[in-house]
Amino acid sequence: TSNYDGSQFIIGNAGSATVDGIEVEFSWQATENLRLYSSVSYIDAEYDDFAGAQCVVDSAGNPANADCDIVSGTENQKGEKLERSPDMEFNLSAMWESQLTDALRLKASASFYYSDEYFVQPTQADYATQDSFTKWDARVALASSNERWEVGVIGRNLGDEMTIQHAYNIAGNQFRNLTRGRSVLLEAIVRF
């Protein structure tokens, strides 16, 4: 595991953890032009033993568990959830391709992603907890029938959903590094 405690990065071995879950993936060629993809996963991930971990804190920033050593700021996080482990994730994508003329093909796709809440550091602090969120992307492109070239417009994170990549507490000040917001790109591909 790796975490920043405000003055240094702490890299350590979590001892052991149990991860139980299920993931189901689905792909279906619905029509000659339309293909659908989907996946859903459920995860139950917790530490079996994690001695020396940073203390879990409550919403006021105080130690949440009785075994927290206030002097060292560490505890055994046995039974606590692993960071970056949402209970549920869901993805749905659709891709459409059709021949416009003898020389041109239309390609269009859209994807939708949902994640339950999770925290991004072992302290489980409020400022380091990512609420559940949804992101969606889309792409439209024209391509040559022989696939030698392609020009497209891509929209990523079209709902402009800002999510937490990392969170830090430095001298009592809390910081979050967020993912990129909405972006629209022009893409050109040439295959030799």
N, C-alpha and C. Protein backbone atom coordinates (compact mmCIF):
# COMPACT_ATOMS: atom_id res chain seq x y z
N THR A 1 0.84 -1.18 0.00
CA THR A 1 0.00 0.00 0.00
C THR A 1 0.88 1.24 0.00
N SER A 2 0.34 2.35 -0.47
CA SER A 2 1.06 3.61 -0.50
C SER A 2 0.11 4.73 -0.09
N ASN A 3 0.57 5.58 0.83
CA ASN A 3 -0.26 6.69 1.28
C ASN A 3 0.63 7.83 1.74
N TYR A 4 0.13 9.04 1.65
CA TYR A 4 0.85 10.23 2.09
C TYR A 4 0.25 10.70 3.40
N ASP A 5 1.04 10.83 4.47
CA ASP A 5 0.51 11.20 5.78
C ASP A 5 0.66 12.68 6.10
N GLY A 6 1.05 13.48 5.13
CA GLY A 6 1.21 14.90 5.35
C GLY A 6 2.66 15.34 5.38
N SER A 7 3.55 14.39 5.64
CA SER A 7 4.98 14.72 5.64
C SER A 7 5.80 13.73 4.83
N GLN A 8 5.27 12.55 4.61
CA GLN A 8 6.02 11.53 3.88
C GLN A 8 5.07 10.52 3.24
N PHE A 9 5.57 9.85 2.20
CA PHE A 9 4.82 8.73 1.62
C PHE A 9 5.14 7.50 2.44
N ILE A 10 4.11 6.76 2.81
CA ILE A 10 4.27 5.54 3.58
C ILE A 10 3.96 4.37 2.67
N ILE A 11 4.97 3.55 2.43
CA ILE A 11 4.79 2.37 1.60
C ILE A 11 4.94 1.16 2.51
N GLY A 12 3.95 0.29 2.50
CA GLY A 12 4.00 -0.84 3.42
C GLY A 12 3.26 -2.04 2.87
N ASN A 13 3.42 -3.14 3.57
CA ASN A 13 2.76 -4.38 3.22
C ASN A 13 1.52 -4.50 4.10
N ALA A 14 0.37 -4.68 3.48
CA ALA A 14 -0.89 -4.73 4.23
C ALA A 14 -1.10 -6.05 4.95
N GLY A 15 -0.15 -6.96 4.88
CA GLY A 15 -0.32 -8.23 5.58
C GLY A 15 -1.19 -9.17 4.79
N SER A 16 -2.52 -9.03 4.92
CA SER A 16 -3.42 -9.88 4.15
C SER A 16 -4.79 -9.22 4.02
N ALA A 17 -5.49 -9.62 3.00
CA ALA A 17 -6.83 -9.11 2.74
C ALA A 17 -7.64 -10.20 2.06
N THR A 18 -8.94 -10.11 2.20
CA THR A 18 -9.85 -11.03 1.51
C THR A 18 -10.72 -10.22 0.57
N VAL A 19 -10.75 -10.64 -0.67
CA VAL A 19 -11.56 -9.97 -1.68
C VAL A 19 -12.51 -11.02 -2.27
N ASP A 20 -13.79 -10.83 -2.04
CA ASP A 20 -14.81 -11.69 -2.62
C ASP A 20 -15.65 -10.85 -3.57
N GLY A 21 -16.11 -11.46 -4.62
CA GLY A 21 -16.95 -10.69 -5.54
C GLY A 21 -17.33 -11.51 -6.75
N ILE A 22 -18.03 -10.82 -7.63
CA ILE A 22 -18.46 -11.45 -8.87
C ILE A 22 -18.46 -10.37 -9.95
N GLU A 23 -18.08 -10.76 -11.15
CA GLU A 23 -18.13 -9.85 -12.29
C GLU A 23 -18.77 -10.59 -13.45
N VAL A 24 -19.70 -9.92 -14.10
CA VAL A 24 -20.39 -10.50 -15.25
C VAL A 24 -20.20 -9.55 -16.43
N GLU A 25 -19.77 -10.10 -17.55
CA GLU A 25 -19.60 -9.31 -18.77
C GLU A 25 -20.54 -9.84 -19.84
N PHE A 26 -20.99 -8.93 -20.68
CA PHE A 26 -22.00 -9.27 -21.67
C PHE A 26 -21.66 -8.55 -22.98
N SER A 27 -21.72 -9.25 -24.07
CA SER A 27 -21.51 -8.66 -25.39
C SER A 27 -22.58 -9.23 -26.33
N TRP A 28 -23.22 -8.35 -27.09
CA TRP A 28 -24.31 -8.79 -27.96
C TRP A 28 -24.30 -8.00 -29.25
N GLN A 29 -24.25 -8.72 -30.36
CA GLN A 29 -24.39 -8.11 -31.68
C GLN A 29 -25.88 -8.02 -31.94
N ALA A 30 -26.49 -6.88 -31.54
CA ALA A 30 -27.94 -6.73 -31.56
C ALA A 30 -28.50 -6.71 -32.98
N THR A 31 -27.81 -6.02 -33.88
CA THR A 31 -28.19 -5.98 -35.29
C THR A 31 -26.89 -6.03 -36.10
N GLU A 32 -27.01 -5.98 -37.39
CA GLU A 32 -25.80 -5.97 -38.23
C GLU A 32 -24.92 -4.76 -37.91
N ASN A 33 -25.52 -3.67 -37.49
CA ASN A 33 -24.78 -2.43 -37.25
C ASN A 33 -24.52 -2.12 -35.78
N LEU A 34 -25.28 -2.69 -34.87
CA LEU A 34 -25.23 -2.32 -33.46
C LEU A 34 -24.67 -3.43 -32.58
N ARG A 35 -23.65 -3.08 -31.81
CA ARG A 35 -23.07 -4.02 -30.84
C ARG A 35 -23.17 -3.39 -29.45
N LEU A 36 -23.60 -4.17 -28.46
CA LEU A 36 -23.73 -3.71 -27.08
C LEU A 36 -22.77 -4.47 -26.18
N TYR A 37 -22.18 -3.75 -25.23
CA TYR A 37 -21.29 -4.34 -24.24
C TYR A 37 -21.77 -3.89 -22.87
N SER A 38 -21.64 -4.77 -21.89
CA SER A 38 -21.97 -4.37 -20.53
C SER A 38 -21.17 -5.22 -19.55
N SER A 39 -20.89 -4.64 -18.40
CA SER A 39 -20.27 -5.40 -17.32
C SER A 39 -20.78 -4.85 -16.01
N VAL A 40 -20.91 -5.71 -15.05
CA VAL A 40 -21.30 -5.31 -13.70
C VAL A 40 -20.45 -6.12 -12.73
N SER A 41 -20.00 -5.48 -11.67
CA SER A 41 -19.19 -6.20 -10.68
C SER A 41 -19.61 -5.80 -9.28
N TYR A 42 -19.53 -6.77 -8.39
CA TYR A 42 -19.76 -6.55 -6.97
C TYR A 42 -18.52 -7.02 -6.23
N ILE A 43 -18.02 -6.19 -5.30
CA ILE A 43 -16.80 -6.53 -4.57
C ILE A 43 -17.02 -6.31 -3.08
N ASP A 44 -16.56 -7.27 -2.29
CA ASP A 44 -16.49 -7.14 -0.84
C ASP A 44 -15.02 -7.34 -0.49
N ALA A 45 -14.30 -6.24 -0.21
CA ALA A 45 -12.85 -6.32 0.01
C ALA A 45 -12.51 -5.71 1.36
N GLU A 46 -11.88 -6.51 2.23
CA GLU A 46 -11.47 -5.98 3.53
C GLU A 46 -10.15 -6.60 3.98
N TYR A 47 -9.48 -5.87 4.86
CA TYR A 47 -8.20 -6.34 5.39
C TYR A 47 -8.43 -7.43 6.43
N ASP A 48 -7.68 -8.51 6.32
CA ASP A 48 -7.65 -9.54 7.37
C ASP A 48 -6.66 -9.12 8.45
N ASP A 49 -5.59 -8.43 8.02
CA ASP A 49 -4.58 -7.94 8.95
C ASP A 49 -3.83 -6.80 8.27
N PHE A 50 -3.75 -5.66 8.94
CA PHE A 50 -3.02 -4.52 8.40
C PHE A 50 -2.46 -3.71 9.58
N ALA A 51 -1.52 -4.33 10.31
CA ALA A 51 -0.88 -3.66 11.44
C ALA A 51 -0.02 -2.52 10.93
N GLY A 52 -0.01 -1.40 11.66
CA GLY A 52 0.80 -0.25 11.28
C GLY A 52 0.15 0.67 10.27
N ALA A 53 -1.14 0.45 9.98
CA ALA A 53 -1.85 1.32 9.04
C ALA A 53 -2.21 2.64 9.72
N GLN A 54 -2.41 3.67 8.93
CA GLN A 54 -2.88 4.93 9.49
C GLN A 54 -4.24 4.72 10.13
N CYS A 55 -4.53 5.48 11.17
CA CYS A 55 -5.80 5.34 11.88
C CYS A 55 -6.96 5.80 11.01
N VAL A 56 -8.06 5.06 11.07
CA VAL A 56 -9.31 5.46 10.45
C VAL A 56 -9.86 6.62 11.27
N VAL A 57 -10.39 7.65 10.59
CA VAL A 57 -10.91 8.82 11.31
C VAL A 57 -12.40 8.98 11.06
N ASP A 58 -13.08 9.64 11.99
CA ASP A 58 -14.50 9.91 11.83
C ASP A 58 -14.68 11.24 11.07
N SER A 59 -15.92 11.68 10.93
CA SER A 59 -16.19 12.89 10.14
C SER A 59 -15.58 14.14 10.75
N ALA A 60 -15.25 14.13 12.05
CA ALA A 60 -14.62 15.28 12.70
C ALA A 60 -13.09 15.19 12.62
N GLY A 61 -12.56 14.08 12.05
CA GLY A 61 -11.12 13.91 11.94
C GLY A 61 -10.48 13.25 13.15
N ASN A 62 -11.30 12.75 14.09
CA ASN A 62 -10.79 12.07 15.28
C ASN A 62 -10.69 10.57 15.01
N PRO A 63 -9.81 9.86 15.74
CA PRO A 63 -9.71 8.40 15.55
C PRO A 63 -11.07 7.74 15.72
N ALA A 64 -11.41 6.87 14.79
CA ALA A 64 -12.72 6.20 14.82
C ALA A 64 -12.69 4.88 15.57
N ASN A 65 -11.51 4.29 15.72
CA ASN A 65 -11.40 2.97 16.36
C ASN A 65 -10.60 3.06 17.66
N ALA A 66 -10.98 2.22 18.62
CA ALA A 66 -10.35 2.25 19.94
C ALA A 66 -8.89 1.82 19.91
N ASP A 67 -8.47 1.02 18.92
CA ASP A 67 -7.09 0.53 18.91
C ASP A 67 -6.11 1.49 18.24
N CYS A 68 -6.54 2.71 17.91
CA CYS A 68 -5.65 3.70 17.29
C CYS A 68 -4.64 4.18 18.33
N ASP A 69 -3.35 4.05 18.02
CA ASP A 69 -2.27 4.59 18.86
C ASP A 69 -2.09 6.05 18.45
N ILE A 70 -2.55 6.96 19.29
CA ILE A 70 -2.55 8.38 18.95
C ILE A 70 -1.13 8.91 18.76
N VAL A 71 -0.16 8.38 19.49
CA VAL A 71 1.22 8.85 19.38
C VAL A 71 1.79 8.56 17.99
N SER A 72 1.63 7.31 17.53
CA SER A 72 2.17 6.93 16.22
C SER A 72 1.19 7.19 15.08
N GLY A 73 -0.11 7.34 15.43
CA GLY A 73 -1.13 7.55 14.41
C GLY A 73 -1.43 6.30 13.61
N THR A 74 -1.18 5.12 14.22
CA THR A 74 -1.38 3.86 13.51
C THR A 74 -2.30 2.93 14.29
N GLU A 75 -2.83 1.95 13.58
CA GLU A 75 -3.68 0.92 14.16
C GLU A 75 -3.64 -0.30 13.26
N ASN A 76 -4.28 -1.37 13.68
CA ASN A 76 -4.47 -2.53 12.82
C ASN A 76 -5.84 -2.37 12.17
N GLN A 77 -5.86 -2.25 10.86
CA GLN A 77 -7.13 -2.03 10.16
C GLN A 77 -7.85 -3.34 9.82
N LYS A 78 -7.62 -4.37 10.59
CA LYS A 78 -8.32 -5.63 10.39
C LYS A 78 -9.83 -5.37 10.36
N GLY A 79 -10.49 -5.88 9.30
CA GLY A 79 -11.94 -5.72 9.16
C GLY A 79 -12.36 -4.46 8.41
N GLU A 80 -11.42 -3.56 8.12
CA GLU A 80 -11.74 -2.33 7.38
C GLU A 80 -11.72 -2.58 5.88
N LYS A 81 -12.49 -1.79 5.14
CA LYS A 81 -12.53 -1.92 3.68
C LYS A 81 -11.22 -1.46 3.06
N LEU A 82 -10.86 -2.09 1.95
CA LEU A 82 -9.71 -1.65 1.16
C LEU A 82 -10.07 -0.35 0.45
N GLU A 83 -9.08 0.55 0.33
CA GLU A 83 -9.32 1.78 -0.41
C GLU A 83 -9.48 1.46 -1.89
N ARG A 84 -10.16 2.36 -2.59
CA ARG A 84 -10.43 2.24 -4.04
C ARG A 84 -11.18 0.95 -4.38
N SER A 85 -12.09 0.55 -3.50
CA SER A 85 -12.87 -0.67 -3.71
C SER A 85 -14.36 -0.39 -3.58
N PRO A 86 -14.99 0.13 -4.63
CA PRO A 86 -16.44 0.36 -4.54
C PRO A 86 -17.17 -0.98 -4.48
N ASP A 87 -18.30 -1.00 -3.80
CA ASP A 87 -19.09 -2.24 -3.73
C ASP A 87 -19.60 -2.66 -5.09
N MET A 88 -20.00 -1.67 -5.92
CA MET A 88 -20.62 -1.99 -7.21
C MET A 88 -20.07 -1.08 -8.30
N GLU A 89 -19.82 -1.65 -9.46
CA GLU A 89 -19.46 -0.89 -10.66
C GLU A 89 -20.28 -1.42 -11.82
N PHE A 90 -20.64 -0.52 -12.73
CA PHE A 90 -21.47 -0.91 -13.88
C PHE A 90 -21.01 -0.14 -15.11
N ASN A 91 -20.94 -0.82 -16.24
CA ASN A 91 -20.53 -0.19 -17.49
C ASN A 91 -21.47 -0.67 -18.60
N LEU A 92 -21.88 0.27 -19.46
CA LEU A 92 -22.69 -0.07 -20.62
C LEU A 92 -22.16 0.72 -21.80
N SER A 93 -21.89 0.03 -22.91
CA SER A 93 -21.37 0.67 -24.11
C SER A 93 -22.15 0.19 -25.32
N ALA A 94 -22.28 1.09 -26.29
CA ALA A 94 -22.93 0.74 -27.55
C ALA A 94 -22.08 1.27 -28.69
N MET A 95 -21.94 0.46 -29.75
CA MET A 95 -21.17 0.88 -30.92
C MET A 95 -22.01 0.63 -32.17
N TRP A 96 -22.09 1.67 -33.01
CA TRP A 96 -22.85 1.60 -34.26
C TRP A 96 -21.88 1.80 -35.42
N GLU A 97 -21.94 0.92 -36.42
CA GLU A 97 -21.16 1.09 -37.65
C GLU A 97 -22.06 0.82 -38.83
N SER A 98 -21.98 1.71 -39.83
CA SER A 98 -22.78 1.48 -41.04
C SER A 98 -22.07 2.09 -42.25
N GLN A 99 -22.34 1.50 -43.39
CA GLN A 99 -21.77 1.96 -44.66
C GLN A 99 -22.61 3.13 -45.16
N LEU A 100 -21.98 4.31 -45.34
CA LEU A 100 -22.70 5.47 -45.87
C LEU A 100 -22.69 5.48 -47.40
N THR A 101 -21.51 5.26 -47.95
CA THR A 101 -21.34 5.16 -49.40
C THR A 101 -20.37 4.02 -49.65
N ASP A 102 -20.03 3.77 -50.91
CA ASP A 102 -19.06 2.72 -51.20
C ASP A 102 -17.70 3.02 -50.55
N ALA A 103 -17.38 4.29 -50.35
CA ALA A 103 -16.07 4.68 -49.84
C ALA A 103 -16.05 5.08 -48.37
N LEU A 104 -17.23 5.36 -47.76
CA LEU A 104 -17.27 5.89 -46.39
C LEU A 104 -18.10 5.03 -45.44
N ARG A 105 -17.58 4.95 -44.19
CA ARG A 105 -18.29 4.28 -43.11
C ARG A 105 -18.53 5.27 -41.97
N LEU A 106 -19.67 5.14 -41.29
CA LEU A 106 -19.97 5.93 -40.11
C LEU A 106 -19.75 5.04 -38.89
N LYS A 107 -19.03 5.59 -37.90
CA LYS A 107 -18.81 4.87 -36.64
C LYS A 107 -19.26 5.78 -35.51
N ALA A 108 -20.08 5.26 -34.63
CA ALA A 108 -20.54 6.04 -33.48
C ALA A 108 -20.56 5.12 -32.26
N SER A 109 -20.16 5.67 -31.12
CA SER A 109 -20.18 4.89 -29.90
C SER A 109 -20.50 5.78 -28.71
N ALA A 110 -21.03 5.16 -27.68
CA ALA A 110 -21.31 5.86 -26.42
C ALA A 110 -21.09 4.86 -25.29
N SER A 111 -20.60 5.37 -24.16
CA SER A 111 -20.41 4.50 -23.00
C SER A 111 -20.83 5.23 -21.74
N PHE A 112 -21.28 4.44 -20.79
CA PHE A 112 -21.81 4.92 -19.52
C PHE A 112 -21.13 4.12 -18.43
N TYR A 113 -20.60 4.78 -17.38
CA TYR A 113 -19.93 4.10 -16.28
C TYR A 113 -20.46 4.61 -14.95
N TYR A 114 -20.79 3.69 -14.04
CA TYR A 114 -21.27 4.04 -12.70
C TYR A 114 -20.38 3.35 -11.67
N SER A 115 -20.07 4.07 -10.59
CA SER A 115 -19.32 3.49 -9.48
C SER A 115 -19.98 3.89 -8.17
N ASP A 116 -20.07 2.93 -7.24
CA ASP A 116 -20.48 3.24 -5.86
C ASP A 116 -19.39 4.06 -5.19
N GLU A 117 -19.67 4.57 -4.02
CA GLU A 117 -18.70 5.37 -3.28
C GLU A 117 -17.53 4.50 -2.82
N TYR A 118 -16.37 5.13 -2.65
CA TYR A 118 -15.17 4.49 -2.11
C TYR A 118 -14.26 5.57 -1.57
N PHE A 119 -13.26 5.18 -0.78
CA PHE A 119 -12.31 6.16 -0.30
C PHE A 119 -10.96 5.91 -0.95
N VAL A 120 -10.15 6.96 -1.04
CA VAL A 120 -8.89 6.88 -1.79
C VAL A 120 -7.66 6.79 -0.90
N GLN A 121 -7.86 6.75 0.43
CA GLN A 121 -6.73 6.56 1.34
C GLN A 121 -7.21 5.80 2.57
N PRO A 122 -6.30 5.12 3.27
CA PRO A 122 -6.71 4.24 4.38
C PRO A 122 -7.38 4.94 5.56
N THR A 123 -7.20 6.26 5.72
CA THR A 123 -7.82 6.95 6.86
C THR A 123 -9.34 7.01 6.72
N GLN A 124 -9.84 6.83 5.50
CA GLN A 124 -11.28 6.89 5.21
C GLN A 124 -11.88 8.24 5.57
N ALA A 125 -11.06 9.28 5.58
CA ALA A 125 -11.52 10.63 5.93
C ALA A 125 -12.56 11.12 4.93
N ASP A 126 -13.44 12.01 5.40
CA ASP A 126 -14.49 12.54 4.53
C ASP A 126 -13.93 13.18 3.26
N TYR A 127 -12.85 13.97 3.39
CA TYR A 127 -12.30 14.66 2.23
C TYR A 127 -11.66 13.68 1.23
N ALA A 128 -11.40 12.44 1.66
CA ALA A 128 -10.80 11.43 0.79
C ALA A 128 -11.81 10.37 0.36
N THR A 129 -13.09 10.66 0.53
CA THR A 129 -14.14 9.72 0.14
C THR A 129 -14.79 10.20 -1.15
N GLN A 130 -14.75 9.36 -2.15
CA GLN A 130 -15.37 9.65 -3.44
C GLN A 130 -16.81 9.17 -3.40
N ASP A 131 -17.75 10.09 -3.54
CA ASP A 131 -19.17 9.72 -3.60
C ASP A 131 -19.44 8.91 -4.86
N SER A 132 -20.55 8.20 -4.89
CA SER A 132 -20.92 7.46 -6.10
C SER A 132 -21.04 8.45 -7.26
N PHE A 133 -20.73 7.97 -8.46
CA PHE A 133 -20.73 8.88 -9.61
C PHE A 133 -21.03 8.12 -10.89
N THR A 134 -21.35 8.91 -11.93
CA THR A 134 -21.61 8.38 -13.26
C THR A 134 -20.81 9.22 -14.26
N LYS A 135 -20.16 8.56 -15.20
CA LYS A 135 -19.47 9.26 -16.28
C LYS A 135 -19.93 8.67 -17.61
N TRP A 136 -19.93 9.50 -18.64
CA TRP A 136 -20.28 8.99 -19.97
C TRP A 136 -19.45 9.68 -21.04
N ASP A 137 -19.17 8.91 -22.08
CA ASP A 137 -18.34 9.34 -23.20
C ASP A 137 -19.09 9.06 -24.50
N ALA A 138 -18.67 9.72 -25.58
CA ALA A 138 -19.26 9.47 -26.90
C ALA A 138 -18.21 9.74 -27.98
N ARG A 139 -18.40 9.11 -29.13
CA ARG A 139 -17.48 9.29 -30.26
C ARG A 139 -18.26 9.14 -31.56
N VAL A 140 -18.00 10.01 -32.53
CA VAL A 140 -18.57 9.90 -33.87
C VAL A 140 -17.42 10.07 -34.85
N ALA A 141 -17.34 9.17 -35.85
CA ALA A 141 -16.23 9.23 -36.80
C ALA A 141 -16.68 8.82 -38.19
N LEU A 142 -15.97 9.36 -39.17
CA LEU A 142 -16.08 8.92 -40.56
C LEU A 142 -14.79 8.18 -40.89
N ALA A 143 -14.93 7.06 -41.58
CA ALA A 143 -13.76 6.25 -41.92
C ALA A 143 -13.86 5.78 -43.36
N SER A 144 -12.71 5.55 -43.95
CA SER A 144 -12.72 4.98 -45.30
C SER A 144 -13.14 3.52 -45.20
N SER A 145 -13.77 3.02 -46.22
CA SER A 145 -14.24 1.63 -46.22
C SER A 145 -13.10 0.64 -46.07
N ASN A 146 -11.90 1.00 -46.56
CA ASN A 146 -10.77 0.08 -46.44
C ASN A 146 -10.00 0.28 -45.12
N GLU A 147 -10.54 1.14 -44.22
CA GLU A 147 -9.96 1.39 -42.89
C GLU A 147 -8.58 2.03 -42.93
N ARG A 148 -8.21 2.68 -44.04
CA ARG A 148 -6.89 3.33 -44.14
C ARG A 148 -6.85 4.65 -43.37
N TRP A 149 -7.99 5.34 -43.23
CA TRP A 149 -8.03 6.60 -42.50
C TRP A 149 -9.34 6.72 -41.75
N GLU A 150 -9.32 7.59 -40.75
CA GLU A 150 -10.51 7.82 -39.93
C GLU A 150 -10.39 9.20 -39.28
N VAL A 151 -11.49 9.95 -39.24
CA VAL A 151 -11.54 11.25 -38.58
C VAL A 151 -12.75 11.24 -37.65
N GLY A 152 -12.51 11.60 -36.39
CA GLY A 152 -13.61 11.54 -35.43
C GLY A 152 -13.56 12.64 -34.39
N VAL A 153 -14.69 12.81 -33.72
CA VAL A 153 -14.81 13.71 -32.57
C VAL A 153 -15.12 12.85 -31.36
N ILE A 154 -14.34 13.07 -30.29
CA ILE A 154 -14.50 12.29 -29.07
C ILE A 154 -14.87 13.23 -27.93
N GLY A 155 -15.89 12.86 -27.18
CA GLY A 155 -16.25 13.59 -25.97
C GLY A 155 -16.06 12.68 -24.78
N ARG A 156 -15.21 13.10 -23.85
CA ARG A 156 -14.94 12.30 -22.65
C ARG A 156 -15.49 13.03 -21.42
N ASN A 157 -16.05 12.24 -20.51
CA ASN A 157 -16.62 12.79 -19.28
C ASN A 157 -17.58 13.94 -19.62
N LEU A 158 -18.52 13.66 -20.49
CA LEU A 158 -19.41 14.70 -21.00
C LEU A 158 -20.30 15.34 -19.93
N GLY A 159 -20.51 14.65 -18.83
CA GLY A 159 -21.28 15.23 -17.73
C GLY A 159 -20.42 16.09 -16.81
N ASP A 160 -19.13 16.22 -17.12
CA ASP A 160 -18.18 17.03 -16.36
C ASP A 160 -18.13 16.63 -14.89
N GLU A 161 -18.10 15.32 -14.64
CA GLU A 161 -18.07 14.77 -13.28
C GLU A 161 -16.63 14.75 -12.77
N MET A 162 -16.35 15.52 -11.73
CA MET A 162 -15.01 15.58 -11.16
C MET A 162 -14.90 14.52 -10.06
N THR A 163 -13.91 13.63 -10.18
CA THR A 163 -13.72 12.58 -9.19
C THR A 163 -12.31 12.68 -8.60
N ILE A 164 -12.14 12.10 -7.42
CA ILE A 164 -10.89 12.22 -6.68
C ILE A 164 -9.89 11.17 -7.16
N GLN A 165 -8.68 11.60 -7.51
CA GLN A 165 -7.59 10.67 -7.79
C GLN A 165 -6.79 10.41 -6.52
N HIS A 166 -6.40 11.47 -5.83
CA HIS A 166 -5.61 11.37 -4.60
C HIS A 166 -6.10 12.42 -3.62
N ALA A 167 -5.90 12.18 -2.33
CA ALA A 167 -6.26 13.15 -1.29
C ALA A 167 -5.14 13.21 -0.27
N TYR A 168 -4.85 14.42 0.22
CA TYR A 168 -3.74 14.63 1.15
C TYR A 168 -4.18 15.54 2.29
N ASN A 169 -3.59 15.31 3.46
CA ASN A 169 -3.76 16.20 4.60
C ASN A 169 -2.36 16.66 4.98
N ILE A 170 -2.06 17.92 4.72
CA ILE A 170 -0.73 18.46 4.99
C ILE A 170 -0.88 19.59 6.01
N ALA A 171 -0.33 19.36 7.20
CA ALA A 171 -0.37 20.35 8.29
C ALA A 171 -1.79 20.84 8.56
N GLY A 172 -2.75 19.91 8.53
CA GLY A 172 -4.13 20.26 8.81
C GLY A 172 -4.91 20.81 7.64
N ASN A 173 -4.26 20.99 6.50
CA ASN A 173 -4.93 21.46 5.30
C ASN A 173 -5.19 20.27 4.38
N GLN A 174 -6.40 20.20 3.87
CA GLN A 174 -6.80 19.04 3.07
C GLN A 174 -6.82 19.41 1.59
N PHE A 175 -6.22 18.54 0.79
CA PHE A 175 -6.12 18.76 -0.65
C PHE A 175 -6.62 17.53 -1.38
N ARG A 176 -7.22 17.77 -2.55
CA ARG A 176 -7.65 16.66 -3.41
C ARG A 176 -7.17 16.93 -4.82
N ASN A 177 -6.61 15.90 -5.43
CA ASN A 177 -6.22 15.94 -6.83
C ASN A 177 -7.37 15.30 -7.61
N LEU A 178 -7.99 16.07 -8.49
CA LEU A 178 -9.17 15.59 -9.20
C LEU A 178 -8.83 15.14 -10.62
N THR A 179 -9.68 14.29 -11.16
CA THR A 179 -9.53 13.85 -12.54
C THR A 179 -9.88 14.98 -13.49
N ARG A 180 -9.59 14.77 -14.74
CA ARG A 180 -9.90 15.76 -15.78
C ARG A 180 -11.41 15.87 -15.96
N GLY A 181 -11.87 17.08 -16.18
CA GLY A 181 -13.29 17.31 -16.43
C GLY A 181 -13.64 16.99 -17.89
N ARG A 182 -14.70 17.59 -18.37
CA ARG A 182 -15.16 17.35 -19.74
C ARG A 182 -14.06 17.73 -20.74
N SER A 183 -13.89 16.88 -21.75
CA SER A 183 -12.95 17.21 -22.82
C SER A 183 -13.53 16.75 -24.15
N VAL A 184 -13.28 17.54 -25.18
CA VAL A 184 -13.72 17.21 -26.54
C VAL A 184 -12.48 17.25 -27.42
N LEU A 185 -12.25 16.18 -28.18
CA LEU A 185 -11.04 16.03 -28.97
C LEU A 185 -11.36 15.73 -30.41
N LEU A 186 -10.52 16.19 -31.27
CA LEU A 186 -10.58 15.83 -32.69
C LEU A 186 -9.50 14.79 -32.92
N GLU A 187 -9.86 13.68 -33.54
CA GLU A 187 -8.92 12.57 -33.74
C GLU A 187 -8.79 12.27 -35.22
N ALA A 188 -7.56 12.09 -35.66
CA ALA A 188 -7.31 11.69 -37.05
C ALA A 188 -6.38 10.49 -37.03
N ILE A 189 -6.73 9.46 -37.77
CA ILE A 189 -5.94 8.23 -37.82
C ILE A 189 -5.62 7.93 -39.28
N VAL A 190 -4.36 7.61 -39.52
CA VAL A 190 -3.93 7.15 -40.85
C VAL A 190 -3.18 5.85 -40.63
N ARG A 191 -3.58 4.81 -41.34
CA ARG A 191 -2.93 3.51 -41.22
C ARG A 191 -2.12 3.23 -42.48
N PHE A 192 -0.86 2.88 -42.31
CA PHE A 192 0.04 2.61 -43.43
C PHE A 192 0.13 1.13 -43.71
